[in-house]
Amino acid sequence: LDVNNGANHLHGGTGGFHRQLWAAETFTTPRSVGLILTHVSPDGDQGYPGTAEVTAIYELRNDNELRIAFHAIADKATPINLTNHAYFNLAGKGDILGHQLTIFGDAYTPVDAGLIPAGLPAPVAGTPFDFRTPRAIGERIGQQDAQLGFGSGYDHNFMLNKSADKAMEVAARVVDPASGRVLEVVSQEPGIQFYSGNFLDDSVSGKG
């Protein structure tokens, strides 16, 4: 595979899907508007075997729900792990340290100094990674903890408490106390990555 992050392969490589121009088609239903994105990754792209036909569907519903669905079909055995990498600041400005976060998982995946998973999962109990009840993101982000030090904050996978394999359940909830805005993440996947924007700077700005 293409090496683009030290000795590692990150985000699909130097020419990963996030750097490709996808074909786009809009759609409208009585309850939503949306966008269908399609891309064909040729055999050998970034070192991956097989031609992959990939679809990403973004749907914004009238009830303020954003649905994201990924589909991929490849003609050879190949690893594919698609995700969404958007950032959310529910206040619309400033930082997110006051956001109240809940993650429905009893364990997380420790990393090494290169932010690569280092081994077996570890329990969140008694650590700055315990968000099983609502806690401010900034409450413990500055603690003297080796795991927080590796990434200057949170950049870790949390193992979710699933009632059944592939069950669509709430994985995390974030609340901005000032505005009252709430974000819930619902997923059928076994884990969720929490990244606190540790390496972002003022060159990346969103819409408040």
N, C-alpha and C. Protein backbone atom coordinates (compact mmCIF):
# COMPACT_ATOMS: atom_id res chain seq x y z
N LEU A 1 0.83 -1.20 0.00
CA LEU A 1 0.00 0.00 0.00
C LEU A 1 0.86 1.25 0.00
N ASP A 2 0.30 2.33 -0.50
CA ASP A 2 0.99 3.62 -0.51
C ASP A 2 1.28 4.06 0.92
N VAL A 3 2.49 4.54 1.16
CA VAL A 3 2.89 5.03 2.48
C VAL A 3 2.87 6.55 2.45
N ASN A 4 2.02 7.17 3.27
CA ASN A 4 1.85 8.62 3.20
C ASN A 4 1.79 9.30 4.57
N ASN A 5 2.07 8.53 5.63
CA ASN A 5 2.02 9.10 6.98
C ASN A 5 3.13 8.44 7.81
N GLY A 6 4.36 8.97 7.66
CA GLY A 6 5.49 8.29 8.28
C GLY A 6 5.67 6.94 7.62
N ALA A 7 5.61 5.90 8.44
CA ALA A 7 5.73 4.54 7.91
C ALA A 7 4.38 3.90 7.64
N ASN A 8 3.32 4.70 7.71
CA ASN A 8 1.97 4.15 7.67
C ASN A 8 1.17 4.60 6.45
N HIS A 9 0.09 3.89 6.22
CA HIS A 9 -0.87 4.18 5.16
C HIS A 9 -2.10 4.80 5.81
N LEU A 10 -2.40 6.06 5.49
CA LEU A 10 -3.47 6.79 6.17
C LEU A 10 -4.52 7.27 5.16
N HIS A 11 -5.79 7.10 5.51
CA HIS A 11 -6.91 7.65 4.73
C HIS A 11 -6.88 7.20 3.27
N GLY A 12 -6.44 5.97 3.05
CA GLY A 12 -6.48 5.43 1.69
C GLY A 12 -5.31 5.81 0.82
N GLY A 13 -4.32 6.52 1.38
CA GLY A 13 -3.13 6.83 0.61
C GLY A 13 -3.08 8.26 0.11
N THR A 14 -1.97 8.59 -0.54
CA THR A 14 -1.76 9.95 -1.06
C THR A 14 -2.88 10.37 -2.00
N GLY A 15 -3.34 9.44 -2.81
CA GLY A 15 -4.44 9.72 -3.74
C GLY A 15 -5.72 9.03 -3.31
N GLY A 16 -6.01 9.04 -2.02
CA GLY A 16 -7.20 8.38 -1.50
C GLY A 16 -8.49 8.96 -2.04
N PHE A 17 -9.60 8.32 -1.68
CA PHE A 17 -10.90 8.74 -2.21
C PHE A 17 -11.21 10.20 -1.92
N HIS A 18 -10.69 10.72 -0.81
CA HIS A 18 -10.98 12.11 -0.44
C HIS A 18 -10.28 13.10 -1.36
N ARG A 19 -9.38 12.63 -2.20
CA ARG A 19 -8.68 13.50 -3.15
C ARG A 19 -9.14 13.28 -4.59
N GLN A 20 -10.19 12.52 -4.77
CA GLN A 20 -10.71 12.22 -6.10
C GLN A 20 -11.96 13.05 -6.39
N LEU A 21 -12.17 13.33 -7.67
CA LEU A 21 -13.38 14.02 -8.11
C LEU A 21 -14.45 12.98 -8.39
N TRP A 22 -15.48 12.97 -7.58
CA TRP A 22 -16.56 11.99 -7.71
C TRP A 22 -17.66 12.53 -8.62
N ALA A 23 -18.33 11.63 -9.30
CA ALA A 23 -19.53 12.02 -10.05
C ALA A 23 -20.65 12.28 -9.04
N ALA A 24 -21.45 13.32 -9.30
CA ALA A 24 -22.47 13.73 -8.33
C ALA A 24 -23.83 13.86 -9.00
N GLU A 25 -24.84 13.44 -8.26
CA GLU A 25 -26.23 13.54 -8.72
C GLU A 25 -27.10 13.89 -7.52
N THR A 26 -27.93 14.92 -7.67
CA THR A 26 -28.82 15.32 -6.58
C THR A 26 -30.15 14.57 -6.68
N PHE A 27 -30.85 14.49 -5.54
CA PHE A 27 -32.19 13.90 -5.56
C PHE A 27 -33.05 14.59 -4.51
N THR A 28 -34.34 14.51 -4.73
CA THR A 28 -35.32 15.11 -3.81
C THR A 28 -36.45 14.12 -3.58
N THR A 29 -36.86 13.99 -2.32
CA THR A 29 -38.03 13.20 -1.97
C THR A 29 -38.96 14.10 -1.16
N PRO A 30 -40.17 13.67 -0.89
CA PRO A 30 -41.07 14.51 -0.07
C PRO A 30 -40.52 14.81 1.31
N ARG A 31 -39.57 14.00 1.79
CA ARG A 31 -39.06 14.17 3.15
C ARG A 31 -37.60 14.56 3.22
N SER A 32 -36.94 14.73 2.05
CA SER A 32 -35.51 14.96 2.12
C SER A 32 -34.96 15.50 0.81
N VAL A 33 -33.72 15.99 0.89
CA VAL A 33 -32.91 16.28 -0.29
C VAL A 33 -31.59 15.55 -0.09
N GLY A 34 -30.92 15.25 -1.20
CA GLY A 34 -29.71 14.49 -1.03
C GLY A 34 -28.78 14.54 -2.22
N LEU A 35 -27.66 13.84 -2.05
CA LEU A 35 -26.60 13.81 -3.04
C LEU A 35 -26.08 12.38 -3.13
N ILE A 36 -25.98 11.88 -4.37
CA ILE A 36 -25.41 10.57 -4.62
C ILE A 36 -24.06 10.76 -5.30
N LEU A 37 -23.00 10.30 -4.67
CA LEU A 37 -21.64 10.42 -5.19
C LEU A 37 -21.15 9.03 -5.60
N THR A 38 -20.55 8.93 -6.78
CA THR A 38 -20.04 7.64 -7.25
C THR A 38 -18.60 7.80 -7.73
N HIS A 39 -17.83 6.75 -7.54
CA HIS A 39 -16.42 6.77 -7.93
C HIS A 39 -15.98 5.34 -8.26
N VAL A 40 -15.16 5.20 -9.29
CA VAL A 40 -14.59 3.90 -9.64
C VAL A 40 -13.09 3.96 -9.38
N SER A 41 -12.64 3.10 -8.48
CA SER A 41 -11.22 3.01 -8.15
C SER A 41 -10.60 1.86 -8.94
N PRO A 42 -9.63 2.13 -9.81
CA PRO A 42 -9.08 1.08 -10.67
C PRO A 42 -8.23 0.08 -9.89
N ASP A 43 -8.06 -1.07 -10.47
CA ASP A 43 -7.22 -2.12 -9.88
C ASP A 43 -5.82 -1.59 -9.63
N GLY A 44 -5.32 -1.76 -8.41
CA GLY A 44 -3.98 -1.30 -8.07
C GLY A 44 -3.92 0.11 -7.53
N ASP A 45 -5.02 0.83 -7.51
CA ASP A 45 -5.04 2.20 -7.01
C ASP A 45 -4.56 2.24 -5.56
N GLN A 46 -3.52 3.02 -5.29
CA GLN A 46 -2.91 3.16 -3.96
C GLN A 46 -2.42 1.83 -3.39
N GLY A 47 -2.28 0.83 -4.27
CA GLY A 47 -1.80 -0.48 -3.85
C GLY A 47 -2.89 -1.48 -3.56
N TYR A 48 -4.16 -1.08 -3.67
CA TYR A 48 -5.27 -1.99 -3.37
C TYR A 48 -5.61 -2.86 -4.58
N PRO A 49 -5.81 -4.15 -4.37
CA PRO A 49 -6.21 -5.02 -5.48
C PRO A 49 -7.68 -4.82 -5.85
N GLY A 50 -7.97 -4.98 -7.12
CA GLY A 50 -9.35 -4.98 -7.58
C GLY A 50 -9.89 -3.62 -7.95
N THR A 51 -10.78 -3.63 -8.94
CA THR A 51 -11.54 -2.43 -9.30
C THR A 51 -12.73 -2.33 -8.36
N ALA A 52 -12.89 -1.17 -7.74
CA ALA A 52 -13.98 -0.98 -6.77
C ALA A 52 -14.93 0.09 -7.25
N GLU A 53 -16.22 -0.24 -7.26
CA GLU A 53 -17.26 0.73 -7.57
C GLU A 53 -17.87 1.20 -6.24
N VAL A 54 -17.74 2.49 -5.97
CA VAL A 54 -18.07 3.02 -4.64
C VAL A 54 -19.17 4.07 -4.77
N THR A 55 -20.11 4.03 -3.84
CA THR A 55 -21.20 5.01 -3.79
C THR A 55 -21.31 5.56 -2.37
N ALA A 56 -21.44 6.88 -2.27
CA ALA A 56 -21.70 7.54 -0.99
C ALA A 56 -22.97 8.37 -1.15
N ILE A 57 -23.92 8.17 -0.27
CA ILE A 57 -25.20 8.87 -0.34
C ILE A 57 -25.37 9.73 0.90
N TYR A 58 -25.54 11.03 0.68
CA TYR A 58 -25.80 11.98 1.77
C TYR A 58 -27.25 12.46 1.63
N GLU A 59 -28.02 12.29 2.69
CA GLU A 59 -29.43 12.65 2.66
C GLU A 59 -29.77 13.51 3.88
N LEU A 60 -30.25 14.73 3.64
CA LEU A 60 -30.67 15.63 4.70
C LEU A 60 -32.19 15.63 4.76
N ARG A 61 -32.73 15.14 5.89
CA ARG A 61 -34.16 14.95 6.02
C ARG A 61 -34.83 16.13 6.73
N ASN A 62 -36.13 16.25 6.54
CA ASN A 62 -36.87 17.37 7.11
C ASN A 62 -36.86 17.38 8.63
N ASP A 63 -36.58 16.25 9.26
CA ASP A 63 -36.54 16.18 10.72
C ASP A 63 -35.14 16.43 11.27
N ASN A 64 -34.28 17.11 10.47
CA ASN A 64 -32.92 17.48 10.87
C ASN A 64 -32.00 16.27 11.04
N GLU A 65 -32.30 15.21 10.35
CA GLU A 65 -31.46 14.01 10.38
C GLU A 65 -30.61 13.97 9.11
N LEU A 66 -29.31 13.78 9.29
CA LEU A 66 -28.39 13.58 8.17
C LEU A 66 -28.06 12.10 8.09
N ARG A 67 -28.42 11.49 6.99
CA ARG A 67 -28.13 10.08 6.78
C ARG A 67 -26.99 9.94 5.77
N ILE A 68 -26.01 9.11 6.11
CA ILE A 68 -24.88 8.86 5.23
C ILE A 68 -24.77 7.35 5.04
N ALA A 69 -24.76 6.92 3.80
CA ALA A 69 -24.66 5.49 3.50
C ALA A 69 -23.54 5.27 2.49
N PHE A 70 -22.75 4.24 2.73
CA PHE A 70 -21.66 3.88 1.83
C PHE A 70 -21.89 2.48 1.28
N HIS A 71 -21.58 2.33 -0.01
CA HIS A 71 -21.68 1.02 -0.65
C HIS A 71 -20.44 0.83 -1.53
N ALA A 72 -19.89 -0.37 -1.54
CA ALA A 72 -18.73 -0.65 -2.39
C ALA A 72 -18.78 -2.09 -2.87
N ILE A 73 -18.45 -2.27 -4.15
CA ILE A 73 -18.36 -3.60 -4.75
C ILE A 73 -17.01 -3.68 -5.47
N ALA A 74 -16.23 -4.72 -5.17
CA ALA A 74 -14.92 -4.90 -5.80
C ALA A 74 -14.88 -6.26 -6.50
N ASP A 75 -14.08 -6.33 -7.57
CA ASP A 75 -14.00 -7.59 -8.31
C ASP A 75 -12.85 -8.48 -7.84
N LYS A 76 -12.15 -8.06 -6.77
CA LYS A 76 -11.15 -8.89 -6.10
C LYS A 76 -11.28 -8.69 -4.60
N ALA A 77 -10.79 -9.65 -3.84
CA ALA A 77 -10.79 -9.48 -2.38
C ALA A 77 -9.90 -8.30 -2.01
N THR A 78 -10.46 -7.33 -1.29
CA THR A 78 -9.70 -6.13 -0.93
C THR A 78 -10.32 -5.50 0.30
N PRO A 79 -9.51 -4.92 1.18
CA PRO A 79 -10.09 -4.25 2.35
C PRO A 79 -10.70 -2.90 1.97
N ILE A 80 -11.92 -2.66 2.43
CA ILE A 80 -12.58 -1.37 2.23
C ILE A 80 -13.26 -0.99 3.54
N ASN A 81 -12.93 0.19 4.05
CA ASN A 81 -13.50 0.65 5.32
C ASN A 81 -13.81 2.13 5.16
N LEU A 82 -15.01 2.43 4.66
CA LEU A 82 -15.39 3.81 4.34
C LEU A 82 -16.00 4.49 5.55
N THR A 83 -15.74 5.78 5.68
CA THR A 83 -16.29 6.53 6.81
C THR A 83 -16.46 7.99 6.43
N ASN A 84 -17.06 8.74 7.33
CA ASN A 84 -17.25 10.18 7.17
C ASN A 84 -16.28 10.90 8.09
N HIS A 85 -15.63 11.95 7.59
CA HIS A 85 -14.59 12.64 8.37
C HIS A 85 -14.93 14.12 8.53
N ALA A 86 -16.22 14.44 8.64
CA ALA A 86 -16.61 15.83 8.87
C ALA A 86 -16.37 16.21 10.32
N TYR A 87 -16.24 17.52 10.58
CA TYR A 87 -16.07 18.03 11.93
C TYR A 87 -17.32 18.81 12.32
N PHE A 88 -17.71 18.70 13.59
CA PHE A 88 -18.90 19.40 14.07
C PHE A 88 -18.54 20.28 15.26
N ASN A 89 -18.92 21.55 15.18
CA ASN A 89 -18.86 22.48 16.31
C ASN A 89 -20.28 22.99 16.50
N LEU A 90 -20.97 22.47 17.50
CA LEU A 90 -22.39 22.78 17.66
C LEU A 90 -22.63 24.22 18.07
N ALA A 91 -21.60 24.89 18.60
CA ALA A 91 -21.74 26.30 18.96
C ALA A 91 -21.64 27.20 17.74
N GLY A 92 -21.01 26.70 16.67
CA GLY A 92 -20.85 27.50 15.46
C GLY A 92 -19.66 28.42 15.49
N LYS A 93 -18.94 28.47 16.62
CA LYS A 93 -17.76 29.32 16.75
C LYS A 93 -16.99 28.87 17.98
N GLY A 94 -15.77 29.40 18.12
CA GLY A 94 -14.96 29.05 19.29
C GLY A 94 -14.53 27.59 19.26
N ASP A 95 -14.28 27.03 20.45
CA ASP A 95 -13.83 25.64 20.52
C ASP A 95 -14.97 24.74 20.99
N ILE A 96 -14.66 23.47 21.11
CA ILE A 96 -15.68 22.47 21.48
C ILE A 96 -15.42 21.91 22.87
N LEU A 97 -14.56 22.55 23.64
CA LEU A 97 -14.17 22.00 24.93
C LEU A 97 -15.33 21.95 25.92
N GLY A 98 -16.33 22.81 25.75
CA GLY A 98 -17.48 22.80 26.64
C GLY A 98 -18.58 21.87 26.20
N HIS A 99 -18.46 21.28 25.02
CA HIS A 99 -19.47 20.33 24.55
C HIS A 99 -19.52 19.13 25.50
N GLN A 100 -20.72 18.69 25.82
CA GLN A 100 -20.92 17.52 26.66
C GLN A 100 -21.02 16.28 25.77
N LEU A 101 -20.10 15.34 25.99
CA LEU A 101 -20.00 14.16 25.13
C LEU A 101 -20.37 12.89 25.90
N THR A 102 -21.15 12.04 25.25
CA THR A 102 -21.43 10.70 25.75
C THR A 102 -21.07 9.70 24.66
N ILE A 103 -20.27 8.71 24.99
CA ILE A 103 -19.95 7.62 24.07
C ILE A 103 -20.38 6.32 24.72
N PHE A 104 -21.19 5.56 24.02
CA PHE A 104 -21.77 4.35 24.59
C PHE A 104 -20.84 3.16 24.37
N GLY A 105 -19.71 3.20 25.06
CA GLY A 105 -18.73 2.13 24.95
C GLY A 105 -17.94 1.98 26.23
N ASP A 106 -17.69 0.73 26.63
CA ASP A 106 -16.96 0.44 27.87
C ASP A 106 -15.47 0.29 27.66
N ALA A 107 -15.00 0.31 26.40
CA ALA A 107 -13.59 0.09 26.12
C ALA A 107 -13.15 0.97 24.96
N TYR A 108 -11.85 1.24 24.91
CA TYR A 108 -11.27 1.99 23.80
C TYR A 108 -10.00 1.28 23.36
N THR A 109 -9.45 1.73 22.22
CA THR A 109 -8.27 1.09 21.67
C THR A 109 -7.05 1.99 21.89
N PRO A 110 -6.15 1.63 22.80
CA PRO A 110 -4.93 2.43 22.99
C PRO A 110 -4.10 2.47 21.71
N VAL A 111 -3.31 3.55 21.57
CA VAL A 111 -2.47 3.74 20.39
C VAL A 111 -1.02 3.87 20.81
N ASP A 112 -0.13 3.77 19.81
CA ASP A 112 1.28 4.02 20.08
C ASP A 112 1.61 5.47 19.74
N ALA A 113 2.87 5.83 19.77
CA ALA A 113 3.27 7.21 19.55
C ALA A 113 2.93 7.70 18.15
N GLY A 114 2.72 6.78 17.21
CA GLY A 114 2.32 7.15 15.86
C GLY A 114 0.83 7.15 15.65
N LEU A 115 0.07 7.01 16.75
CA LEU A 115 -1.40 6.99 16.74
C LEU A 115 -1.96 5.77 16.01
N ILE A 116 -1.19 4.69 16.03
CA ILE A 116 -1.62 3.42 15.45
C ILE A 116 -2.07 2.50 16.58
N PRO A 117 -3.21 1.81 16.43
CA PRO A 117 -3.65 0.89 17.49
C PRO A 117 -2.53 -0.03 17.95
N ALA A 118 -2.35 -0.11 19.28
CA ALA A 118 -1.16 -0.75 19.84
C ALA A 118 -1.40 -2.16 20.36
N GLY A 119 -2.65 -2.61 20.39
CA GLY A 119 -2.87 -3.95 20.93
C GLY A 119 -4.31 -4.15 21.34
N LEU A 120 -4.49 -4.78 22.48
CA LEU A 120 -5.82 -5.14 22.94
C LEU A 120 -6.58 -3.92 23.46
N PRO A 121 -7.91 -3.94 23.41
CA PRO A 121 -8.71 -2.85 23.97
C PRO A 121 -8.46 -2.72 25.47
N ALA A 122 -8.74 -1.52 25.98
CA ALA A 122 -8.58 -1.24 27.40
C ALA A 122 -9.88 -0.66 27.93
N PRO A 123 -10.23 -0.95 29.19
CA PRO A 123 -11.46 -0.38 29.76
C PRO A 123 -11.33 1.12 29.93
N VAL A 124 -12.43 1.83 29.73
CA VAL A 124 -12.43 3.29 29.91
C VAL A 124 -12.57 3.68 31.37
N ALA A 125 -13.05 2.78 32.20
CA ALA A 125 -13.31 3.10 33.61
C ALA A 125 -12.04 3.61 34.29
N GLY A 126 -12.17 4.73 34.99
CA GLY A 126 -11.06 5.30 35.72
C GLY A 126 -10.04 6.02 34.87
N THR A 127 -10.37 6.32 33.62
CA THR A 127 -9.45 7.01 32.70
C THR A 127 -10.13 8.24 32.12
N PRO A 128 -9.35 9.14 31.48
CA PRO A 128 -9.95 10.30 30.80
C PRO A 128 -10.81 9.91 29.59
N PHE A 129 -10.87 8.62 29.28
CA PHE A 129 -11.64 8.14 28.13
C PHE A 129 -13.03 7.65 28.52
N ASP A 130 -13.41 7.86 29.76
CA ASP A 130 -14.72 7.41 30.23
C ASP A 130 -15.77 8.48 29.95
N PHE A 131 -16.48 8.30 28.85
CA PHE A 131 -17.58 9.20 28.48
C PHE A 131 -18.91 8.44 28.51
N ARG A 132 -19.00 7.45 29.36
CA ARG A 132 -20.25 6.68 29.43
C ARG A 132 -21.39 7.51 30.01
N THR A 133 -21.05 8.52 30.78
CA THR A 133 -22.00 9.54 31.20
C THR A 133 -21.50 10.87 30.65
N PRO A 134 -22.38 11.85 30.43
CA PRO A 134 -21.96 13.09 29.78
C PRO A 134 -20.83 13.80 30.54
N ARG A 135 -19.78 14.13 29.81
CA ARG A 135 -18.65 14.87 30.36
C ARG A 135 -18.22 15.91 29.33
N ALA A 136 -17.76 17.06 29.82
CA ALA A 136 -17.23 18.09 28.92
C ALA A 136 -15.96 17.57 28.27
N ILE A 137 -15.82 17.81 26.97
CA ILE A 137 -14.64 17.33 26.25
C ILE A 137 -13.37 17.90 26.85
N GLY A 138 -13.42 19.16 27.28
CA GLY A 138 -12.22 19.80 27.82
C GLY A 138 -11.93 19.49 29.26
N GLU A 139 -12.80 18.75 29.92
CA GLU A 139 -12.66 18.51 31.36
C GLU A 139 -11.36 17.78 31.71
N ARG A 140 -10.98 16.81 30.87
CA ARG A 140 -9.81 15.98 31.19
C ARG A 140 -8.81 15.90 30.04
N ILE A 141 -9.02 16.71 29.00
CA ILE A 141 -8.17 16.62 27.82
C ILE A 141 -6.73 17.04 28.10
N GLY A 142 -6.54 17.83 29.15
CA GLY A 142 -5.20 18.29 29.50
C GLY A 142 -4.52 17.48 30.58
N GLN A 143 -5.13 16.37 30.99
CA GLN A 143 -4.54 15.54 32.04
C GLN A 143 -3.23 14.92 31.58
N GLN A 144 -2.36 14.63 32.55
CA GLN A 144 -1.12 13.94 32.26
C GLN A 144 -1.43 12.46 32.01
N ASP A 145 -1.65 12.14 30.76
CA ASP A 145 -1.99 10.78 30.37
C ASP A 145 -1.24 10.47 29.09
N ALA A 146 -0.56 9.34 29.08
CA ALA A 146 0.28 9.01 27.92
C ALA A 146 -0.54 8.94 26.64
N GLN A 147 -1.74 8.37 26.72
CA GLN A 147 -2.57 8.24 25.52
C GLN A 147 -2.99 9.61 24.98
N LEU A 148 -3.36 10.52 25.85
CA LEU A 148 -3.71 11.88 25.41
C LEU A 148 -2.48 12.60 24.87
N GLY A 149 -1.32 12.32 25.44
CA GLY A 149 -0.10 12.98 25.00
C GLY A 149 0.31 12.61 23.60
N PHE A 150 0.05 11.37 23.19
CA PHE A 150 0.47 10.94 21.85
C PHE A 150 -0.16 11.81 20.76
N GLY A 151 -1.41 12.20 20.94
CA GLY A 151 -2.10 12.96 19.90
C GLY A 151 -2.49 14.35 20.31
N SER A 152 -1.94 14.82 21.43
CA SER A 152 -2.29 16.14 21.98
C SER A 152 -3.80 16.27 22.20
N GLY A 153 -4.42 15.17 22.59
CA GLY A 153 -5.86 15.15 22.81
C GLY A 153 -6.42 13.79 22.41
N TYR A 154 -7.70 13.77 22.13
CA TYR A 154 -8.36 12.52 21.78
C TYR A 154 -8.26 12.25 20.27
N ASP A 155 -7.85 11.05 19.93
CA ASP A 155 -7.86 10.54 18.55
C ASP A 155 -7.86 9.02 18.64
N HIS A 156 -8.97 8.49 19.17
CA HIS A 156 -9.02 7.08 19.54
C HIS A 156 -10.33 6.43 19.10
N ASN A 157 -10.24 5.14 18.88
CA ASN A 157 -11.42 4.33 18.60
C ASN A 157 -12.04 3.84 19.90
N PHE A 158 -13.36 3.94 19.99
CA PHE A 158 -14.10 3.43 21.13
C PHE A 158 -14.92 2.23 20.68
N MET A 159 -14.87 1.16 21.45
CA MET A 159 -15.65 -0.04 21.16
C MET A 159 -17.04 0.12 21.75
N LEU A 160 -18.04 0.03 20.90
CA LEU A 160 -19.41 0.32 21.31
C LEU A 160 -20.08 -0.89 21.96
N ASN A 161 -20.98 -0.59 22.89
CA ASN A 161 -21.77 -1.64 23.53
C ASN A 161 -22.96 -1.96 22.62
N LYS A 162 -22.84 -3.00 21.83
CA LYS A 162 -23.88 -3.34 20.86
C LYS A 162 -24.80 -4.42 21.42
N SER A 163 -26.10 -4.23 21.22
CA SER A 163 -27.05 -5.25 21.66
C SER A 163 -27.09 -6.43 20.71
N ALA A 164 -26.71 -6.19 19.46
CA ALA A 164 -26.67 -7.26 18.46
C ALA A 164 -25.73 -6.82 17.35
N ASP A 165 -25.15 -7.79 16.67
CA ASP A 165 -24.24 -7.49 15.57
C ASP A 165 -24.98 -6.72 14.48
N LYS A 166 -24.37 -5.62 14.04
CA LYS A 166 -24.91 -4.78 12.97
C LYS A 166 -26.22 -4.09 13.34
N ALA A 167 -26.53 -4.01 14.63
CA ALA A 167 -27.73 -3.27 15.05
C ALA A 167 -27.49 -1.78 14.88
N MET A 168 -28.49 -1.07 14.35
CA MET A 168 -28.40 0.38 14.18
C MET A 168 -28.77 1.04 15.51
N GLU A 169 -27.75 1.56 16.22
CA GLU A 169 -27.96 2.09 17.57
C GLU A 169 -27.20 3.39 17.76
N VAL A 170 -27.60 4.17 18.77
CA VAL A 170 -26.90 5.41 19.09
C VAL A 170 -25.50 5.07 19.60
N ALA A 171 -24.50 5.62 18.93
CA ALA A 171 -23.11 5.39 19.32
C ALA A 171 -22.57 6.49 20.21
N ALA A 172 -23.00 7.73 19.95
CA ALA A 172 -22.50 8.87 20.73
C ALA A 172 -23.51 10.00 20.68
N ARG A 173 -23.43 10.85 21.69
CA ARG A 173 -24.30 12.04 21.74
C ARG A 173 -23.45 13.22 22.21
N VAL A 174 -23.61 14.36 21.54
CA VAL A 174 -22.90 15.58 21.91
C VAL A 174 -23.93 16.68 22.11
N VAL A 175 -23.76 17.46 23.19
CA VAL A 175 -24.68 18.55 23.50
C VAL A 175 -23.86 19.82 23.70
N ASP A 176 -24.30 20.91 23.07
CA ASP A 176 -23.74 22.23 23.34
C ASP A 176 -24.66 22.91 24.35
N PRO A 177 -24.25 23.04 25.61
CA PRO A 177 -25.14 23.59 26.63
C PRO A 177 -25.61 25.01 26.33
N ALA A 178 -24.78 25.81 25.67
CA ALA A 178 -25.13 27.21 25.43
C ALA A 178 -26.29 27.34 24.45
N SER A 179 -26.23 26.62 23.35
CA SER A 179 -27.26 26.74 22.31
C SER A 179 -28.37 25.70 22.47
N GLY A 180 -28.08 24.63 23.19
CA GLY A 180 -29.04 23.54 23.30
C GLY A 180 -29.01 22.58 22.13
N ARG A 181 -28.09 22.79 21.18
CA ARG A 181 -28.01 21.91 20.02
C ARG A 181 -27.49 20.53 20.44
N VAL A 182 -28.05 19.52 19.81
CA VAL A 182 -27.70 18.13 20.13
C VAL A 182 -27.35 17.40 18.84
N LEU A 183 -26.27 16.65 18.87
CA LEU A 183 -25.89 15.78 17.76
C LEU A 183 -25.86 14.34 18.27
N GLU A 184 -26.61 13.47 17.63
CA GLU A 184 -26.56 12.04 17.92
C GLU A 184 -25.99 11.31 16.71
N VAL A 185 -25.07 10.40 16.97
CA VAL A 185 -24.49 9.58 15.92
C VAL A 185 -25.06 8.17 16.06
N VAL A 186 -25.73 7.71 15.02
CA VAL A 186 -26.33 6.37 15.00
C VAL A 186 -25.57 5.53 13.98
N SER A 187 -25.15 4.36 14.38
CA SER A 187 -24.33 3.54 13.50
C SER A 187 -24.58 2.06 13.77
N GLN A 188 -24.29 1.24 12.75
CA GLN A 188 -24.35 -0.21 12.93
C GLN A 188 -22.95 -0.79 13.06
N GLU A 189 -21.93 0.06 13.08
CA GLU A 189 -20.56 -0.40 13.17
C GLU A 189 -20.17 -0.70 14.62
N PRO A 190 -19.12 -1.50 14.84
CA PRO A 190 -18.73 -1.89 16.21
C PRO A 190 -17.95 -0.83 16.97
N GLY A 191 -17.47 0.21 16.26
CA GLY A 191 -16.67 1.22 16.94
C GLY A 191 -16.90 2.60 16.37
N ILE A 192 -16.44 3.61 17.11
CA ILE A 192 -16.52 4.99 16.66
C ILE A 192 -15.21 5.69 17.01
N GLN A 193 -14.70 6.50 16.09
CA GLN A 193 -13.47 7.24 16.32
C GLN A 193 -13.81 8.63 16.83
N PHE A 194 -13.25 8.99 17.98
CA PHE A 194 -13.43 10.33 18.53
C PHE A 194 -12.13 11.11 18.33
N TYR A 195 -12.21 12.18 17.53
CA TYR A 195 -11.06 13.05 17.26
C TYR A 195 -11.43 14.45 17.69
N SER A 196 -10.64 15.04 18.57
CA SER A 196 -10.96 16.35 19.13
C SER A 196 -10.32 17.50 18.37
N GLY A 197 -9.92 17.26 17.12
CA GLY A 197 -9.41 18.34 16.27
C GLY A 197 -8.05 18.85 16.69
N ASN A 198 -7.22 17.97 17.22
CA ASN A 198 -5.95 18.40 17.82
C ASN A 198 -4.97 19.00 16.82
N PHE A 199 -5.08 18.61 15.56
CA PHE A 199 -4.12 19.09 14.56
C PHE A 199 -4.75 20.07 13.57
N LEU A 200 -5.93 20.55 13.88
CA LEU A 200 -6.56 21.56 13.03
C LEU A 200 -6.01 22.94 13.38
N ASP A 201 -5.98 23.83 12.39
CA ASP A 201 -5.58 25.21 12.64
C ASP A 201 -6.61 26.14 12.00
N ASP A 202 -6.34 27.43 12.01
CA ASP A 202 -7.31 28.40 11.52
C ASP A 202 -7.50 28.34 10.01
N SER A 203 -6.70 27.52 9.32
CA SER A 203 -6.87 27.41 7.87
C SER A 203 -8.09 26.56 7.52
N VAL A 204 -8.61 25.83 8.50
CA VAL A 204 -9.80 25.01 8.28
C VAL A 204 -10.96 25.64 9.03
N SER A 205 -11.92 26.14 8.29
CA SER A 205 -13.08 26.77 8.93
C SER A 205 -14.35 26.21 8.30
N GLY A 206 -15.38 26.15 9.11
CA GLY A 206 -16.65 25.62 8.64
C GLY A 206 -17.72 26.68 8.61
N LYS A 207 -18.93 26.24 8.57
CA LYS A 207 -20.07 27.15 8.53
C LYS A 207 -20.79 27.08 9.86
N GLY A 208 -20.94 28.23 10.53
CA GLY A 208 -21.57 28.26 11.84
C GLY A 208 -23.06 28.48 11.73
